[in-house]
Amino acid sequence: MSLHARKIDGVPEETARVARAAFPKGRLALVSVMQFAKGLSDRQAADAVRGRLD
């Protein structure tokens, strides 16, 4: 998975609120934002993170 700059209209407020509540120190919130931006399913996002940790 590579990131290419692209304009997004913004993260929905509910998504941002849930990410902040679940990860108040940031950590995996970035994964949630990238998942939204790239249109990945939960499984695809988990696989991408797992691949980076290997």
N, C-alpha and C. Protein backbone atom coordinates (compact mmCIF):
# COMPACT_ATOMS: atom_id res chain seq x y z
N MET A 1 0.85 -1.16 0.00
CA MET A 1 0.00 0.00 0.00
C MET A 1 0.89 1.23 0.00
N SER A 2 0.71 2.08 -0.97
CA SER A 2 1.46 3.33 -0.98
C SER A 2 0.46 4.49 -0.94
N LEU A 3 0.87 5.56 -0.33
CA LEU A 3 0.00 6.71 -0.21
C LEU A 3 0.34 7.73 -1.27
N HIS A 4 -0.65 8.17 -1.96
CA HIS A 4 -0.49 9.22 -2.94
C HIS A 4 -1.36 10.38 -2.50
N ALA A 5 -0.85 11.58 -2.63
CA ALA A 5 -1.61 12.75 -2.21
C ALA A 5 -2.88 12.85 -3.04
N ARG A 6 -3.97 13.05 -2.36
CA ARG A 6 -5.22 13.29 -3.05
C ARG A 6 -6.11 14.09 -2.12
N LYS A 7 -6.95 14.88 -2.71
CA LYS A 7 -7.83 15.71 -1.92
C LYS A 7 -9.03 14.89 -1.46
N ILE A 8 -9.32 14.96 -0.18
CA ILE A 8 -10.54 14.34 0.32
C ILE A 8 -11.39 15.46 0.91
N ASP A 9 -12.67 15.23 0.94
CA ASP A 9 -13.58 16.25 1.43
C ASP A 9 -13.54 16.39 2.94
N GLY A 10 -12.82 15.52 3.59
CA GLY A 10 -12.73 15.55 5.04
C GLY A 10 -13.29 14.28 5.64
N VAL A 11 -12.88 14.02 6.83
CA VAL A 11 -13.34 12.85 7.56
C VAL A 11 -14.67 13.20 8.20
N PRO A 12 -15.68 12.35 8.06
CA PRO A 12 -16.96 12.64 8.70
C PRO A 12 -16.78 12.87 10.20
N GLU A 13 -17.54 13.79 10.75
CA GLU A 13 -17.40 14.14 12.16
C GLU A 13 -17.59 12.94 13.07
N GLU A 14 -18.52 12.07 12.75
CA GLU A 14 -18.75 10.88 13.58
C GLU A 14 -17.52 9.96 13.58
N THR A 15 -16.88 9.81 12.42
CA THR A 15 -15.67 9.00 12.33
C THR A 15 -14.56 9.61 13.18
N ALA A 16 -14.40 10.91 13.09
CA ALA A 16 -13.38 11.61 13.89
C ALA A 16 -13.67 11.47 15.38
N ARG A 17 -14.93 11.61 15.76
CA ARG A 17 -15.31 11.51 17.17
C ARG A 17 -15.00 10.12 17.73
N VAL A 18 -15.36 9.10 16.97
CA VAL A 18 -15.12 7.72 17.41
C VAL A 18 -13.61 7.45 17.51
N ALA A 19 -12.84 7.93 16.53
CA ALA A 19 -11.38 7.73 16.56
C ALA A 19 -10.76 8.41 17.78
N ARG A 20 -11.20 9.63 18.07
CA ARG A 20 -10.67 10.34 19.25
C ARG A 20 -11.05 9.64 20.54
N ALA A 21 -12.28 9.13 20.62
CA ALA A 21 -12.73 8.44 21.83
C ALA A 21 -11.99 7.12 22.02
N ALA A 22 -11.77 6.40 20.93
CA ALA A 22 -11.11 5.10 21.02
C ALA A 22 -9.61 5.21 21.24
N PHE A 23 -8.99 6.24 20.67
CA PHE A 23 -7.54 6.39 20.75
C PHE A 23 -7.18 7.82 21.12
N PRO A 24 -7.40 8.22 22.39
CA PRO A 24 -7.19 9.62 22.78
C PRO A 24 -5.76 10.11 22.61
N LYS A 25 -4.79 9.22 22.56
CA LYS A 25 -3.40 9.64 22.38
C LYS A 25 -2.95 9.54 20.93
N GLY A 26 -3.90 9.33 20.02
CA GLY A 26 -3.56 9.25 18.60
C GLY A 26 -3.36 7.82 18.15
N ARG A 27 -2.20 7.29 18.37
CA ARG A 27 -1.80 5.92 18.01
C ARG A 27 -2.49 5.39 16.77
N LEU A 28 -3.53 4.56 16.94
CA LEU A 28 -4.14 3.90 15.79
C LEU A 28 -5.20 4.75 15.09
N ALA A 29 -5.44 5.94 15.59
CA ALA A 29 -6.41 6.81 14.92
C ALA A 29 -5.98 7.10 13.49
N LEU A 30 -4.68 7.19 13.27
CA LEU A 30 -4.17 7.44 11.93
C LEU A 30 -4.58 6.31 10.99
N VAL A 31 -4.58 5.09 11.49
CA VAL A 31 -4.99 3.94 10.67
C VAL A 31 -6.44 4.12 10.24
N SER A 32 -7.28 4.57 11.16
CA SER A 32 -8.69 4.79 10.82
C SER A 32 -8.86 5.85 9.75
N VAL A 33 -8.10 6.91 9.85
CA VAL A 33 -8.17 7.99 8.85
C VAL A 33 -7.68 7.47 7.50
N MET A 34 -6.57 6.75 7.49
CA MET A 34 -6.05 6.21 6.23
C MET A 34 -7.02 5.20 5.63
N GLN A 35 -7.65 4.41 6.50
CA GLN A 35 -8.64 3.44 6.03
C GLN A 35 -9.76 4.16 5.30
N PHE A 36 -10.25 5.24 5.89
CA PHE A 36 -11.31 6.02 5.26
C PHE A 36 -10.84 6.63 3.94
N ALA A 37 -9.66 7.23 3.98
CA ALA A 37 -9.15 7.93 2.80
C ALA A 37 -8.92 6.98 1.63
N LYS A 38 -8.46 5.77 1.91
CA LYS A 38 -8.16 4.80 0.85
C LYS A 38 -9.35 3.90 0.52
N GLY A 39 -10.43 4.02 1.30
CA GLY A 39 -11.61 3.19 1.05
C GLY A 39 -11.38 1.72 1.34
N LEU A 40 -10.61 1.44 2.39
CA LEU A 40 -10.30 0.05 2.73
C LEU A 40 -11.33 -0.54 3.69
N SER A 41 -11.55 -1.82 3.55
CA SER A 41 -12.40 -2.52 4.52
C SER A 41 -11.60 -2.71 5.81
N ASP A 42 -12.27 -3.11 6.87
CA ASP A 42 -11.56 -3.37 8.13
C ASP A 42 -10.47 -4.42 7.93
N ARG A 43 -10.79 -5.47 7.20
CA ARG A 43 -9.83 -6.56 6.95
C ARG A 43 -8.63 -6.04 6.17
N GLN A 44 -8.87 -5.25 5.13
CA GLN A 44 -7.77 -4.72 4.32
C GLN A 44 -6.88 -3.80 5.16
N ALA A 45 -7.47 -2.97 6.00
CA ALA A 45 -6.68 -2.07 6.85
C ALA A 45 -5.86 -2.88 7.85
N ALA A 46 -6.46 -3.90 8.44
CA ALA A 46 -5.73 -4.74 9.39
C ALA A 46 -4.57 -5.45 8.71
N ASP A 47 -4.80 -5.96 7.51
CA ASP A 47 -3.73 -6.63 6.76
C ASP A 47 -2.60 -5.66 6.42
N ALA A 48 -2.96 -4.42 6.06
CA ALA A 48 -1.94 -3.42 5.72
C ALA A 48 -1.08 -3.09 6.94
N VAL A 49 -1.72 -2.92 8.09
CA VAL A 49 -0.97 -2.62 9.32
C VAL A 49 -0.10 -3.81 9.71
N ARG A 50 -0.66 -5.00 9.64
CA ARG A 50 0.08 -6.20 9.99
C ARG A 50 1.30 -6.35 9.08
N GLY A 51 1.13 -6.06 7.81
CA GLY A 51 2.25 -6.13 6.86
C GLY A 51 3.35 -5.15 7.20
N ARG A 52 2.99 -3.98 7.70
CA ARG A 52 3.98 -2.96 8.07
C ARG A 52 4.71 -3.36 9.35
N LEU A 53 4.04 -4.07 10.24
CA LEU A 53 4.66 -4.47 11.51
C LEU A 53 5.63 -5.63 11.32
N ASP A 54 5.42 -6.42 10.27
CA ASP A 54 6.32 -7.54 9.99
C ASP A 54 7.66 -6.99 9.61
